[in-house]
Amino acid sequence: MNEALIIDDNRSTADALHQMLTVLDVSARVAYGASPAITLLSSFTPGLILLDINMPGVDGLEILAYLRREPRLAPVPVIVITSDDQPETRARVMKGGANAMIIKPATLEALEEDLKKLGILK
C-alpha cells in the first residue's frame, strides 16, 4: 500500500493517529489542515486517507467531495475521524463517500478494525 495521509488541523490528534498507524505498520504523511492537504494531494496519491471533518476554512466534507470528484483520488479509501457523533453527520459522511467513520478520540482497536474491513490489514 502507498503511504496513508492524515488530514487534521489538530496537531496532537494528527500525531496520535500517525503513531497508531506506525504501530499498525502503515507509513503515513500528515497534513495539518485542509490547505496543506490539498497542496500535497496535487502531487501525491495516498493509499488511505484519515480525514477530520471539523476544520477551519475548508472542512472535511468539502475535502471528501473533492476526493470523490477527482478521478485519481476517487478510489482511495477514506476513514473520517471526528468528534461529531450526530446521526445526521454520519449520514452526510457516508453519503459523501467515506468508507468508515471513527468517533474521537480514535482508538488503536477501532482503527485496526476499520483497516481490516477495508482490506488494508490482514
PDB file of N, CA and C in Angstrom:
ATOM      1  N   MET A   1       0.841  -1.195   0.000  1.00  0.00           N
ATOM      2  CA  MET A   1       0.000   0.000   0.000  1.00  0.00           C
ATOM      3  C   MET A   1       0.878   1.246   0.000  1.00  0.00           C
ATOM      4  N   ASN A   2       0.440   2.243  -0.762  1.00  0.00           N
ATOM      5  CA  ASN A   2       1.109   3.545  -0.700  1.00  0.00           C
ATOM      6  C   ASN A   2       0.950   4.101   0.705  1.00  0.00           C
ATOM      7  N   GLU A   3       1.687   5.130   0.998  1.00  0.00           N
ATOM      8  CA  GLU A   3       1.567   5.790   2.289  1.00  0.00           C
ATOM      9  C   GLU A   3       0.141   6.304   2.513  1.00  0.00           C
ATOM     10  N   ALA A   4      -0.257   6.309   3.768  1.00  0.00           N
ATOM     11  CA  ALA A   4      -1.525   6.917   4.145  1.00  0.00           C
ATOM     12  C   ALA A   4      -1.320   8.419   4.288  1.00  0.00           C
ATOM     13  N   LEU A   5      -2.429   9.152   4.288  1.00  0.00           N
ATOM     14  CA  LEU A   5      -2.398  10.591   4.540  1.00  0.00           C
ATOM     15  C   LEU A   5      -3.376  10.905   5.653  1.00  0.00           C
ATOM     16  N   ILE A   6      -2.887  11.591   6.665  1.00  0.00           N
ATOM     17  CA  ILE A   6      -3.712  12.047   7.783  1.00  0.00           C
ATOM     18  C   ILE A   6      -3.960  13.529   7.580  1.00  0.00           C
ATOM     19  N   ILE A   7      -5.242  13.919   7.586  1.00  0.00           N
ATOM     20  CA  ILE A   7      -5.599  15.330   7.424  1.00  0.00           C
ATOM     21  C   ILE A   7      -6.367  15.761   8.661  1.00  0.00           C
ATOM     22  N   ASP A   8      -5.729  16.576   9.493  1.00  0.00           N
ATOM     23  CA  ASP A   8      -6.362  17.059  10.721  1.00  0.00           C
ATOM     24  C   ASP A   8      -5.660  18.344  11.133  1.00  0.00           C
ATOM     25  N   ASP A   9      -6.431  19.374  11.458  1.00  0.00           N
ATOM     26  CA  ASP A   9      -5.834  20.646  11.866  1.00  0.00           C
ATOM     27  C   ASP A   9      -5.308  20.605  13.294  1.00  0.00           C
ATOM     28  N   ASN A  10      -5.716  19.622  14.092  1.00  0.00           N
ATOM     29  CA  ASN A  10      -5.250  19.486  15.467  1.00  0.00           C
ATOM     30  C   ASN A  10      -3.984  18.629  15.457  1.00  0.00           C
ATOM     31  N   ARG A  11      -2.856  19.269  15.750  1.00  0.00           N
ATOM     32  CA  ARG A  11      -1.568  18.573  15.664  1.00  0.00           C
ATOM     33  C   ARG A  11      -1.496  17.366  16.591  1.00  0.00           C
ATOM     34  N   SER A  12      -2.010  17.485  17.804  1.00  0.00           N
ATOM     35  CA  SER A  12      -1.900  16.347  18.726  1.00  0.00           C
ATOM     36  C   SER A  12      -2.726  15.156  18.239  1.00  0.00           C
ATOM     37  N   THR A  13      -3.904  15.421  17.674  1.00  0.00           N
ATOM     38  CA  THR A  13      -4.724  14.340  17.129  1.00  0.00           C
ATOM     39  C   THR A  13      -4.036  13.716  15.921  1.00  0.00           C
ATOM     40  N   ALA A  14      -3.548  14.554  15.017  1.00  0.00           N
ATOM     41  CA  ALA A  14      -2.870  14.054  13.820  1.00  0.00           C
ATOM     42  C   ALA A  14      -1.640  13.229  14.194  1.00  0.00           C
ATOM     43  N   ASP A  15      -0.876  13.714  15.147  1.00  0.00           N
ATOM     44  CA  ASP A  15       0.325  12.988  15.561  1.00  0.00           C
ATOM     45  C   ASP A  15      -0.025  11.673  16.250  1.00  0.00           C
ATOM     46  N   ALA A  16      -1.110  11.661  17.028  1.00  0.00           N
ATOM     47  CA  ALA A  16      -1.552  10.418  17.673  1.00  0.00           C
ATOM     48  C   ALA A  16      -1.988   9.398  16.620  1.00  0.00           C
ATOM     49  N   LEU A  17      -2.715   9.846  15.598  1.00  0.00           N
ATOM     50  CA  LEU A  17      -3.123   8.952  14.513  1.00  0.00           C
ATOM     51  C   LEU A  17      -1.902   8.414  13.776  1.00  0.00           C
ATOM     52  N   HIS A  18      -0.911   9.273  13.572  1.00  0.00           N
ATOM     53  CA  HIS A  18       0.329   8.846  12.917  1.00  0.00           C
ATOM     54  C   HIS A  18       1.006   7.748  13.732  1.00  0.00           C
ATOM     55  N   GLN A  19       1.052   7.921  15.050  1.00  0.00           N
ATOM     56  CA  GLN A  19       1.653   6.909  15.918  1.00  0.00           C
ATOM     57  C   GLN A  19       0.880   5.592  15.845  1.00  0.00           C
ATOM     58  N   MET A  20      -0.460   5.671  15.816  1.00  0.00           N
ATOM     59  CA  MET A  20      -1.273   4.462  15.721  1.00  0.00           C
ATOM     60  C   MET A  20      -0.988   3.721  14.415  1.00  0.00           C
ATOM     61  N   LEU A  21      -0.923   4.465  13.312  1.00  0.00           N
ATOM     62  CA  LEU A  21      -0.633   3.825  12.031  1.00  0.00           C
ATOM     63  C   LEU A  21       0.753   3.185  12.048  1.00  0.00           C
ATOM     64  N   THR A  22       1.716   3.845  12.688  1.00  0.00           N
ATOM     65  CA  THR A  22       3.064   3.295  12.799  1.00  0.00           C
ATOM     66  C   THR A  22       3.042   1.968  13.551  1.00  0.00           C
ATOM     67  N   VAL A  23       2.275   1.921  14.640  1.00  0.00           N
ATOM     68  CA  VAL A  23       2.136   0.679  15.411  1.00  0.00           C
ATOM     69  C   VAL A  23       1.535  -0.420  14.530  1.00  0.00           C
ATOM     70  N   LEU A  24       0.626  -0.038  13.636  1.00  0.00           N
ATOM     71  CA  LEU A  24      -0.022  -0.999  12.741  1.00  0.00           C
ATOM     72  C   LEU A  24       0.816  -1.267  11.480  1.00  0.00           C
ATOM     73  N   ASP A  25       2.032  -0.716  11.449  1.00  0.00           N
ATOM     74  CA  ASP A  25       2.972  -0.907  10.343  1.00  0.00           C
ATOM     75  C   ASP A  25       2.465  -0.297   9.039  1.00  0.00           C
ATOM     76  N   VAL A  26       1.809   0.862   9.158  1.00  0.00           N
ATOM     77  CA  VAL A  26       1.337   1.617   7.993  1.00  0.00           C
ATOM     78  C   VAL A  26       2.074   2.954   7.994  1.00  0.00           C
ATOM     79  N   SER A  27       2.838   3.223   6.946  1.00  0.00           N
ATOM     80  CA  SER A  27       3.536   4.506   6.889  1.00  0.00           C
ATOM     81  C   SER A  27       2.560   5.598   6.469  1.00  0.00           C
ATOM     82  N   ALA A  28       2.811   6.804   6.959  1.00  0.00           N
ATOM     83  CA  ALA A  28       1.858   7.894   6.702  1.00  0.00           C
ATOM     84  C   ALA A  28       2.555   9.242   6.666  1.00  0.00           C
ATOM     85  N   ARG A  29       1.926  10.132   5.936  1.00  0.00           N
ATOM     86  CA  ARG A  29       2.280  11.551   5.945  1.00  0.00           C
ATOM     87  C   ARG A  29       1.163  12.280   6.677  1.00  0.00           C
ATOM     88  N   VAL A  30       1.477  13.477   7.177  1.00  0.00           N
ATOM     89  CA  VAL A  30       0.488  14.270   7.902  1.00  0.00           C
ATOM     90  C   VAL A  30       0.359  15.637   7.244  1.00  0.00           C
ATOM     91  N   ALA A  31      -0.895  16.065   7.056  1.00  0.00           N
ATOM     92  CA  ALA A  31      -1.195  17.426   6.609  1.00  0.00           C
ATOM     93  C   ALA A  31      -2.011  18.065   7.736  1.00  0.00           C
ATOM     94  N   TYR A  32      -1.483  19.125   8.323  1.00  0.00           N
ATOM     95  CA  TYR A  32      -2.138  19.792   9.447  1.00  0.00           C
ATOM     96  C   TYR A  32      -3.142  20.827   8.943  1.00  0.00           C
ATOM     97  N   GLY A  33      -4.198  20.364   8.312  1.00  0.00           N
ATOM     98  CA  GLY A  33      -5.243  21.247   7.829  1.00  0.00           C
ATOM     99  C   GLY A  33      -5.552  21.021   6.364  1.00  0.00           C
ATOM    100  N   ALA A  34      -6.618  21.661   5.912  1.00  0.00           N
ATOM    101  CA  ALA A  34      -7.118  21.453   4.556  1.00  0.00           C
ATOM    102  C   ALA A  34      -6.167  21.989   3.494  1.00  0.00           C
ATOM    103  N   SER A  35      -5.661  23.182   3.678  1.00  0.00           N
ATOM    104  CA  SER A  35      -4.813  23.791   2.657  1.00  0.00           C
ATOM    105  C   SER A  35      -3.547  22.974   2.406  1.00  0.00           C
ATOM    106  N   PRO A  36      -2.811  22.578   3.463  1.00  0.00           N
ATOM    107  CA  PRO A  36      -1.639  21.731   3.211  1.00  0.00           C
ATOM    108  C   PRO A  36      -2.021  20.388   2.574  1.00  0.00           C
ATOM    109  N   ALA A  37      -3.196  19.869   2.911  1.00  0.00           N
ATOM    110  CA  ALA A  37      -3.644  18.592   2.339  1.00  0.00           C
ATOM    111  C   ALA A  37      -3.889  18.726   0.842  1.00  0.00           C
ATOM    112  N   ILE A  38      -4.582  19.781   0.435  1.00  0.00           N
ATOM    113  CA  ILE A  38      -4.884  19.981  -0.982  1.00  0.00           C
ATOM    114  C   ILE A  38      -3.581  20.166  -1.773  1.00  0.00           C
ATOM    115  N   THR A  39      -2.642  20.902  -1.197  1.00  0.00           N
ATOM    116  CA  THR A  39      -1.345  21.089  -1.851  1.00  0.00           C
ATOM    117  C   THR A  39      -0.643  19.750  -2.021  1.00  0.00           C
ATOM    118  N   LEU A  40      -0.607  18.956  -0.974  1.00  0.00           N
ATOM    119  CA  LEU A  40       0.060  17.657  -1.022  1.00  0.00           C
ATOM    120  C   LEU A  40      -0.637  16.712  -2.009  1.00  0.00           C
ATOM    121  N   LEU A  41      -1.960  16.727  -2.007  1.00  0.00           N
ATOM    122  CA  LEU A  41      -2.723  15.831  -2.880  1.00  0.00           C
ATOM    123  C   LEU A  41      -2.572  16.165  -4.362  1.00  0.00           C
ATOM    124  N   SER A  42      -2.079  17.348  -4.673  1.00  0.00           N
ATOM    125  CA  SER A  42      -1.878  17.698  -6.085  1.00  0.00           C
ATOM    126  C   SER A  42      -0.777  16.843  -6.713  1.00  0.00           C
ATOM    127  N   SER A  43       0.126  16.294  -5.884  1.00  0.00           N
ATOM    128  CA  SER A  43       1.237  15.515  -6.433  1.00  0.00           C
ATOM    129  C   SER A  43       1.434  14.167  -5.741  1.00  0.00           C
ATOM    130  N   PHE A  44       0.501  13.785  -4.886  1.00  0.00           N
ATOM    131  CA  PHE A  44       0.653  12.566  -4.083  1.00  0.00           C
ATOM    132  C   PHE A  44      -0.675  11.826  -4.055  1.00  0.00           C
ATOM    133  N   THR A  45      -0.635  10.532  -4.353  1.00  0.00           N
ATOM    134  CA  THR A  45      -1.834   9.707  -4.275  1.00  0.00           C
ATOM    135  C   THR A  45      -1.653   8.715  -3.132  1.00  0.00           C
ATOM    136  N   PRO A  46      -2.304   8.965  -2.006  1.00  0.00           N
ATOM    137  CA  PRO A  46      -2.147   8.060  -0.866  1.00  0.00           C
ATOM    138  C   PRO A  46      -2.922   6.760  -1.071  1.00  0.00           C
ATOM    139  N   GLY A  47      -2.589   5.770  -0.259  1.00  0.00           N
ATOM    140  CA  GLY A  47      -3.320   4.508  -0.292  1.00  0.00           C
ATOM    141  C   GLY A  47      -4.500   4.500   0.655  1.00  0.00           C
ATOM    142  N   LEU A  48      -4.556   5.497   1.526  1.00  0.00           N
ATOM    143  CA  LEU A  48      -5.603   5.625   2.541  1.00  0.00           C
ATOM    144  C   LEU A  48      -5.582   7.059   3.032  1.00  0.00           C
ATOM    145  N   ILE A  49      -6.768   7.587   3.376  1.00  0.00           N
ATOM    146  CA  ILE A  49      -6.837   8.923   3.969  1.00  0.00           C
ATOM    147  C   ILE A  49      -7.633   8.850   5.266  1.00  0.00           C
ATOM    148  N   LEU A  50      -7.058   9.409   6.341  1.00  0.00           N
ATOM    149  CA  LEU A  50      -7.774   9.623   7.597  1.00  0.00           C
ATOM    150  C   LEU A  50      -8.102  11.107   7.613  1.00  0.00           C
ATOM    151  N   LEU A  51      -9.375  11.434   7.687  1.00  0.00           N
ATOM    152  CA  LEU A  51      -9.838  12.808   7.453  1.00  0.00           C
ATOM    153  C   LEU A  51     -10.685  13.336   8.597  1.00  0.00           C
ATOM    154  N   ASP A  52     -10.257  14.451   9.168  1.00  0.00           N
ATOM    155  CA  ASP A  52     -11.052  15.168  10.161  1.00  0.00           C
ATOM    156  C   ASP A  52     -12.138  15.957   9.428  1.00  0.00           C
ATOM    157  N   ILE A  53     -13.267  16.140  10.085  1.00  0.00           N
ATOM    158  CA  ILE A  53     -14.366  16.893   9.464  1.00  0.00           C
ATOM    159  C   ILE A  53     -14.359  18.358   9.880  1.00  0.00           C
ATOM    160  N   ASN A  54     -14.248  18.611  11.176  1.00  0.00           N
ATOM    161  CA  ASN A  54     -14.367  19.982  11.686  1.00  0.00           C
ATOM    162  C   ASN A  54     -13.019  20.691  11.659  1.00  0.00           C
ATOM    163  N   MET A  55     -12.785  21.388  10.544  1.00  0.00           N
ATOM    164  CA  MET A  55     -11.561  22.173  10.394  1.00  0.00           C
ATOM    165  C   MET A  55     -11.955  23.575   9.941  1.00  0.00           C
ATOM    166  N   PRO A  56     -11.154  24.581  10.323  1.00  0.00           N
ATOM    167  CA  PRO A  56     -11.467  25.938   9.888  1.00  0.00           C
ATOM    168  C   PRO A  56     -11.270  26.095   8.384  1.00  0.00           C
ATOM    169  N   GLY A  57     -12.029  27.001   7.801  1.00  0.00           N
ATOM    170  CA  GLY A  57     -11.924  27.221   6.354  1.00  0.00           C
ATOM    171  C   GLY A  57     -12.605  26.092   5.612  1.00  0.00           C
ATOM    172  N   VAL A  58     -11.844  25.368   4.816  1.00  0.00           N
ATOM    173  CA  VAL A  58     -12.371  24.234   4.062  1.00  0.00           C
ATOM    174  C   VAL A  58     -12.516  23.067   5.030  1.00  0.00           C
ATOM    175  N   ASP A  59     -13.738  22.572   5.199  1.00  0.00           N
ATOM    176  CA  ASP A  59     -13.923  21.478   6.157  1.00  0.00           C
ATOM    177  C   ASP A  59     -13.739  20.122   5.484  1.00  0.00           C
ATOM    178  N   GLY A  60     -13.756  19.086   6.303  1.00  0.00           N
ATOM    179  CA  GLY A  60     -13.513  17.744   5.811  1.00  0.00           C
ATOM    180  C   GLY A  60     -14.538  17.253   4.806  1.00  0.00           C
ATOM    181  N   LEU A  61     -15.778  17.697   4.930  1.00  0.00           N
ATOM    182  CA  LEU A  61     -16.790  17.283   3.956  1.00  0.00           C
ATOM    183  C   LEU A  61     -16.490  17.854   2.572  1.00  0.00           C
ATOM    184  N   GLU A  62     -15.958  19.076   2.543  1.00  0.00           N
ATOM    185  CA  GLU A  62     -15.564  19.664   1.252  1.00  0.00           C
ATOM    186  C   GLU A  62     -14.372  18.920   0.657  1.00  0.00           C
ATOM    187  N   ILE A  63     -13.444  18.518   1.510  1.00  0.00           N
ATOM    188  CA  ILE A  63     -12.301  17.739   1.033  1.00  0.00           C
ATOM    189  C   ILE A  63     -12.773  16.381   0.525  1.00  0.00           C
ATOM    190  N   LEU A  64     -13.697  15.762   1.251  1.00  0.00           N
ATOM    191  CA  LEU A  64     -14.243  14.475   0.828  1.00  0.00           C
ATOM    192  C   LEU A  64     -14.910  14.593  -0.548  1.00  0.00           C
ATOM    193  N   ALA A  65     -15.673  15.655  -0.750  1.00  0.00           N
ATOM    194  CA  ALA A  65     -16.314  15.882  -2.051  1.00  0.00           C
ATOM    195  C   ALA A  65     -15.263  16.043  -3.146  1.00  0.00           C
ATOM    196  N   TYR A  66     -14.207  16.790  -2.852  1.00  0.00           N
ATOM    197  CA  TYR A  66     -13.110  16.960  -3.813  1.00  0.00           C
ATOM    198  C   TYR A  66     -12.472  15.609  -4.150  1.00  0.00           C
ATOM    199  N   LEU A  67     -12.210  14.794  -3.119  1.00  0.00           N
ATOM    200  CA  LEU A  67     -11.580  13.489  -3.331  1.00  0.00           C
ATOM    201  C   LEU A  67     -12.435  12.610  -4.245  1.00  0.00           C
ATOM    202  N   ARG A  68     -13.744  12.638  -4.040  1.00  0.00           N
ATOM    203  CA  ARG A  68     -14.628  11.770  -4.806  1.00  0.00           C
ATOM    204  C   ARG A  68     -14.868  12.279  -6.228  1.00  0.00           C
ATOM    205  N   ARG A  69     -14.616  13.579  -6.470  1.00  0.00           N
ATOM    206  CA  ARG A  69     -14.737  14.148  -7.829  1.00  0.00           C
ATOM    207  C   ARG A  69     -13.482  13.924  -8.661  1.00  0.00           C
ATOM    208  N   GLU A  70     -12.349  13.826  -7.996  1.00  0.00           N
ATOM    209  CA  GLU A  70     -11.053  13.733  -8.663  1.00  0.00           C
ATOM    210  C   GLU A  70     -10.778  12.273  -9.059  1.00  0.00           C
ATOM    211  N   PRO A  71     -10.751  11.962 -10.363  1.00  0.00           N
ATOM    212  CA  PRO A  71     -10.601  10.561 -10.796  1.00  0.00           C
ATOM    213  C   PRO A  71      -9.401   9.830 -10.188  1.00  0.00           C
ATOM    214  N   ARG A  72      -8.283  10.505 -10.039  1.00  0.00           N
ATOM    215  CA  ARG A  72      -7.082   9.882  -9.481  1.00  0.00           C
ATOM    216  C   ARG A  72      -7.254   9.537  -8.008  1.00  0.00           C
ATOM    217  N   LEU A  73      -8.041  10.319  -7.279  1.00  0.00           N
ATOM    218  CA  LEU A  73      -8.190  10.146  -5.835  1.00  0.00           C
ATOM    219  C   LEU A  73      -9.480   9.436  -5.434  1.00  0.00           C
ATOM    220  N   ALA A  74     -10.435   9.363  -6.344  1.00  0.00           N
ATOM    221  CA  ALA A  74     -11.748   8.780  -6.023  1.00  0.00           C
ATOM    222  C   ALA A  74     -11.684   7.370  -5.445  1.00  0.00           C
ATOM    223  N   PRO A  75     -10.775   6.497  -5.911  1.00  0.00           N
ATOM    224  CA  PRO A  75     -10.748   5.136  -5.363  1.00  0.00           C
ATOM    225  C   PRO A  75     -10.078   5.004  -3.992  1.00  0.00           C
ATOM    226  N   VAL A  76      -9.433   6.059  -3.513  1.00  0.00           N
ATOM    227  CA  VAL A  76      -8.697   5.986  -2.246  1.00  0.00           C
ATOM    228  C   VAL A  76      -9.679   5.846  -1.077  1.00  0.00           C
ATOM    229  N   PRO A  77      -9.495   4.813  -0.230  1.00  0.00           N
ATOM    230  CA  PRO A  77     -10.366   4.671   0.932  1.00  0.00           C
ATOM    231  C   PRO A  77     -10.196   5.849   1.890  1.00  0.00           C
ATOM    232  N   VAL A  78     -11.325   6.326   2.430  1.00  0.00           N
ATOM    233  CA  VAL A  78     -11.311   7.448   3.375  1.00  0.00           C
ATOM    234  C   VAL A  78     -12.001   7.017   4.658  1.00  0.00           C
ATOM    235  N   ILE A  79     -11.283   7.184   5.776  1.00  0.00           N
ATOM    236  CA  ILE A  79     -11.867   6.987   7.098  1.00  0.00           C
ATOM    237  C   ILE A  79     -11.976   8.362   7.735  1.00  0.00           C
ATOM    238  N   VAL A  80     -13.195   8.766   8.022  1.00  0.00           N
ATOM    239  CA  VAL A  80     -13.420  10.046   8.683  1.00  0.00           C
ATOM    240  C   VAL A  80     -13.218   9.846  10.186  1.00  0.00           C
ATOM    241  N   ILE A  81     -12.443  10.753  10.780  1.00  0.00           N
ATOM    242  CA  ILE A  81     -12.185  10.737  12.215  1.00  0.00           C
ATOM    243  C   ILE A  81     -12.762  12.044  12.751  1.00  0.00           C
ATOM    244  N   THR A  82     -13.826  11.962  13.568  1.00  0.00           N
ATOM    245  CA  THR A  82     -14.499  13.181  14.013  1.00  0.00           C
ATOM    246  C   THR A  82     -15.035  13.044  15.430  1.00  0.00           C
ATOM    247  N   SER A  83     -15.224  14.167  16.079  1.00  0.00           N
ATOM    248  CA  SER A  83     -15.850  14.169  17.407  1.00  0.00           C
ATOM    249  C   SER A  83     -17.361  14.345  17.293  1.00  0.00           C
ATOM    250  N   ASP A  84     -17.847  14.592  16.096  1.00  0.00           N
ATOM    251  CA  ASP A  84     -19.270  14.838  15.863  1.00  0.00           C
ATOM    252  C   ASP A  84     -20.006  13.500  15.683  1.00  0.00           C
ATOM    253  N   ASP A  85     -20.662  13.061  16.742  1.00  0.00           N
ATOM    254  CA  ASP A  85     -21.316  11.749  16.754  1.00  0.00           C
ATOM    255  C   ASP A  85     -22.813  11.834  16.462  1.00  0.00           C
ATOM    256  N   GLN A  86     -23.235  12.857  15.734  1.00  0.00           N
ATOM    257  CA  GLN A  86     -24.652  13.013  15.428  1.00  0.00           C
ATOM    258  C   GLN A  86     -25.038  12.116  14.246  1.00  0.00           C
ATOM    259  N   PRO A  87     -26.234  11.514  14.295  1.00  0.00           N
ATOM    260  CA  PRO A  87     -26.667  10.645  13.191  1.00  0.00           C
ATOM    261  C   PRO A  87     -26.662  11.361  11.837  1.00  0.00           C
ATOM    262  N   GLU A  88     -27.035  12.637  11.823  1.00  0.00           N
ATOM    263  CA  GLU A  88     -27.058  13.357  10.553  1.00  0.00           C
ATOM    264  C   GLU A  88     -25.638  13.560   9.998  1.00  0.00           C
ATOM    265  N   THR A  89     -24.663  13.719  10.896  1.00  0.00           N
ATOM    266  CA  THR A  89     -23.277  13.842  10.443  1.00  0.00           C
ATOM    267  C   THR A  89     -22.816  12.527   9.838  1.00  0.00           C
ATOM    268  N   ARG A  90     -23.099  11.419  10.521  1.00  0.00           N
ATOM    269  CA  ARG A  90     -22.727  10.103   9.996  1.00  0.00           C
ATOM    270  C   ARG A  90     -23.360   9.891   8.619  1.00  0.00           C
ATOM    271  N   ALA A  91     -24.625  10.270   8.475  1.00  0.00           N
ATOM    272  CA  ALA A  91     -25.324  10.104   7.191  1.00  0.00           C
ATOM    273  C   ALA A  91     -24.655  10.939   6.103  1.00  0.00           C
ATOM    274  N   ARG A  92     -24.305  12.197   6.412  1.00  0.00           N
ATOM    275  CA  ARG A  92     -23.653  13.065   5.425  1.00  0.00           C
ATOM    276  C   ARG A  92     -22.282  12.532   5.026  1.00  0.00           C
ATOM    277  N   VAL A  93     -21.550  12.035   6.027  1.00  0.00           N
ATOM    278  CA  VAL A  93     -20.210  11.499   5.776  1.00  0.00           C
ATOM    279  C   VAL A  93     -20.282  10.273   4.868  1.00  0.00           C
ATOM    280  N   MET A  94     -21.188   9.364   5.173  1.00  0.00           N
ATOM    281  CA  MET A  94     -21.276   8.136   4.384  1.00  0.00           C
ATOM    282  C   MET A  94     -21.852   8.428   2.995  1.00  0.00           C
ATOM    283  N   LYS A  95     -22.831   9.332   2.921  1.00  0.00           N
ATOM    284  CA  LYS A  95     -23.380   9.724   1.621  1.00  0.00           C
ATOM    285  C   LYS A  95     -22.315  10.424   0.776  1.00  0.00           C
ATOM    286  N   GLY A  96     -21.414  11.128   1.446  1.00  0.00           N
ATOM    287  CA  GLY A  96     -20.342  11.838   0.758  1.00  0.00           C
ATOM    288  C   GLY A  96     -19.257  10.924   0.202  1.00  0.00           C
ATOM    289  N   GLY A  97     -19.300   9.656   0.590  1.00  0.00           N
ATOM    290  CA  GLY A  97     -18.356   8.710   0.017  1.00  0.00           C
ATOM    291  C   GLY A  97     -17.280   8.185   0.947  1.00  0.00           C
ATOM    292  N   ALA A  98     -17.399   8.470   2.250  1.00  0.00           N
ATOM    293  CA  ALA A  98     -16.423   7.900   3.185  1.00  0.00           C
ATOM    294  C   ALA A  98     -16.637   6.395   3.281  1.00  0.00           C
ATOM    295  N   ASN A  99     -15.568   5.682   3.567  1.00  0.00           N
ATOM    296  CA  ASN A  99     -15.638   4.235   3.712  1.00  0.00           C
ATOM    297  C   ASN A  99     -15.930   3.807   5.141  1.00  0.00           C
ATOM    298  N   ALA A 100     -15.605   4.679   6.097  1.00  0.00           N
ATOM    299  CA  ALA A 100     -15.824   4.381   7.515  1.00  0.00           C
ATOM    300  C   ALA A 100     -15.758   5.681   8.293  1.00  0.00           C
ATOM    301  N   MET A 101     -16.232   5.625   9.543  1.00  0.00           N
ATOM    302  CA  MET A 101     -16.192   6.792  10.414  1.00  0.00           C
ATOM    303  C   MET A 101     -15.850   6.329  11.826  1.00  0.00           C
ATOM    304  N   ILE A 102     -14.877   6.989  12.433  1.00  0.00           N
ATOM    305  CA  ILE A 102     -14.465   6.708  13.804  1.00  0.00           C
ATOM    306  C   ILE A 102     -14.694   7.971  14.625  1.00  0.00           C
ATOM    307  N   ILE A 103     -15.296   7.793  15.802  1.00  0.00           N
ATOM    308  CA  ILE A 103     -15.535   8.923  16.698  1.00  0.00           C
ATOM    309  C   ILE A 103     -14.293   9.153  17.568  1.00  0.00           C
ATOM    310  N   LYS A 104     -13.892  10.429  17.667  1.00  0.00           N
ATOM    311  CA  LYS A 104     -12.751  10.807  18.510  1.00  0.00           C
ATOM    312  C   LYS A 104     -13.129  10.648  19.981  1.00  0.00           C
ATOM    313  N   PRO A 105     -12.198  10.305  20.822  1.00  0.00           N
ATOM    314  CA  PRO A 105     -10.820  10.000  20.489  1.00  0.00           C
ATOM    315  C   PRO A 105     -10.715   8.626  19.829  1.00  0.00           C
ATOM    316  N   ALA A 106     -10.025   8.580  18.718  1.00  0.00           N
ATOM    317  CA  ALA A 106      -9.834   7.322  17.995  1.00  0.00           C
ATOM    318  C   ALA A 106      -8.984   6.383  18.842  1.00  0.00           C
ATOM    319  N   THR A 107      -9.308   5.111  18.770  1.00  0.00           N
ATOM    320  CA  THR A 107      -8.502   4.113  19.473  1.00  0.00           C
ATOM    321  C   THR A 107      -7.769   3.255  18.450  1.00  0.00           C
ATOM    322  N   LEU A 108      -6.708   2.658  18.893  1.00  0.00           N
ATOM    323  CA  LEU A 108      -5.945   1.758  18.036  1.00  0.00           C
ATOM    324  C   LEU A 108      -6.830   0.609  17.568  1.00  0.00           C
ATOM    325  N   GLU A 109      -7.665   0.112  18.460  1.00  0.00           N
ATOM    326  CA  GLU A 109      -8.544  -1.016  18.135  1.00  0.00           C
ATOM    327  C   GLU A 109      -9.554  -0.646  17.052  1.00  0.00           C
ATOM    328  N   ALA A 110     -10.161   0.527  17.171  1.00  0.00           N
ATOM    329  CA  ALA A 110     -11.148   0.961  16.166  1.00  0.00           C
ATOM    330  C   ALA A 110     -10.483   1.161  14.817  1.00  0.00           C
ATOM    331  N   LEU A 111      -9.307   1.758  14.820  1.00  0.00           N
ATOM    332  CA  LEU A 111      -8.589   1.988  13.577  1.00  0.00           C
ATOM    333  C   LEU A 111      -8.178   0.658  12.939  1.00  0.00           C
ATOM    334  N   GLU A 112      -7.658  -0.241  13.741  1.00  0.00           N
ATOM    335  CA  GLU A 112      -7.251  -1.554  13.230  1.00  0.00           C
ATOM    336  C   GLU A 112      -8.448  -2.305  12.645  1.00  0.00           C
ATOM    337  N   GLU A 113      -9.581  -2.245  13.326  1.00  0.00           N
ATOM    338  CA  GLU A 113     -10.790  -2.925  12.842  1.00  0.00           C
ATOM    339  C   GLU A 113     -11.210  -2.395  11.474  1.00  0.00           C
ATOM    340  N   ASP A 114     -11.223  -1.064  11.318  1.00  0.00           N
ATOM    341  CA  ASP A 114     -11.621  -0.485  10.030  1.00  0.00           C
ATOM    342  C   ASP A 114     -10.606  -0.793   8.935  1.00  0.00           C
ATOM    343  N   LEU A 115      -9.321  -0.794   9.273  1.00  0.00           N
ATOM    344  CA  LEU A 115      -8.302  -1.120   8.269  1.00  0.00           C
ATOM    345  C   LEU A 115      -8.429  -2.567   7.816  1.00  0.00           C
ATOM    346  N   LYS A 116      -8.815  -3.439   8.699  1.00  0.00           N
ATOM    347  CA  LYS A 116      -9.048  -4.841   8.331  1.00  0.00           C
ATOM    348  C   LYS A 116     -10.290  -4.951   7.433  1.00  0.00           C
ATOM    349  N   LYS A 117     -11.361  -4.244   7.788  1.00  0.00           N
ATOM    350  CA  LYS A 117     -12.577  -4.263   6.963  1.00  0.00           C
ATOM    351  C   LYS A 117     -12.299  -3.757   5.553  1.00  0.00           C
ATOM    352  N   LEU A 118     -11.395  -2.790   5.430  1.00  0.00           N
ATOM    353  CA  LEU A 118     -11.051  -2.218   4.127  1.00  0.00           C
ATOM    354  C   LEU A 118     -10.022  -3.050   3.375  1.00  0.00           C
ATOM    355  N   GLY A 119      -9.522  -4.093   4.014  1.00  0.00           N
ATOM    356  CA  GLY A 119      -8.537  -4.953   3.382  1.00  0.00           C
ATOM    357  C   GLY A 119      -7.124  -4.392   3.380  1.00  0.00           C
ATOM    358  N   ILE A 120      -6.897  -3.363   4.174  1.00  0.00           N
ATOM    359  CA  ILE A 120      -5.565  -2.749   4.253  1.00  0.00           C
ATOM    360  C   ILE A 120      -4.671  -3.561   5.193  1.00  0.00           C
ATOM    361  N   LEU A 121      -5.266  -4.106   6.237  1.00  0.00           N
ATOM    362  CA  LEU A 121      -4.556  -5.004   7.160  1.00  0.00           C
ATOM    363  C   LEU A 121      -5.194  -6.380   7.087  1.00  0.00           C
ATOM    364  N   LYS A 122      -4.403  -7.378   7.407  1.00  0.00           N
ATOM    365  CA  LYS A 122      -4.936  -8.751   7.438  1.00  0.00           C
ATOM    366  C   LYS A 122      -5.346  -9.125   8.835  1.00  0.00           C
TER     367      LYS A 122
END
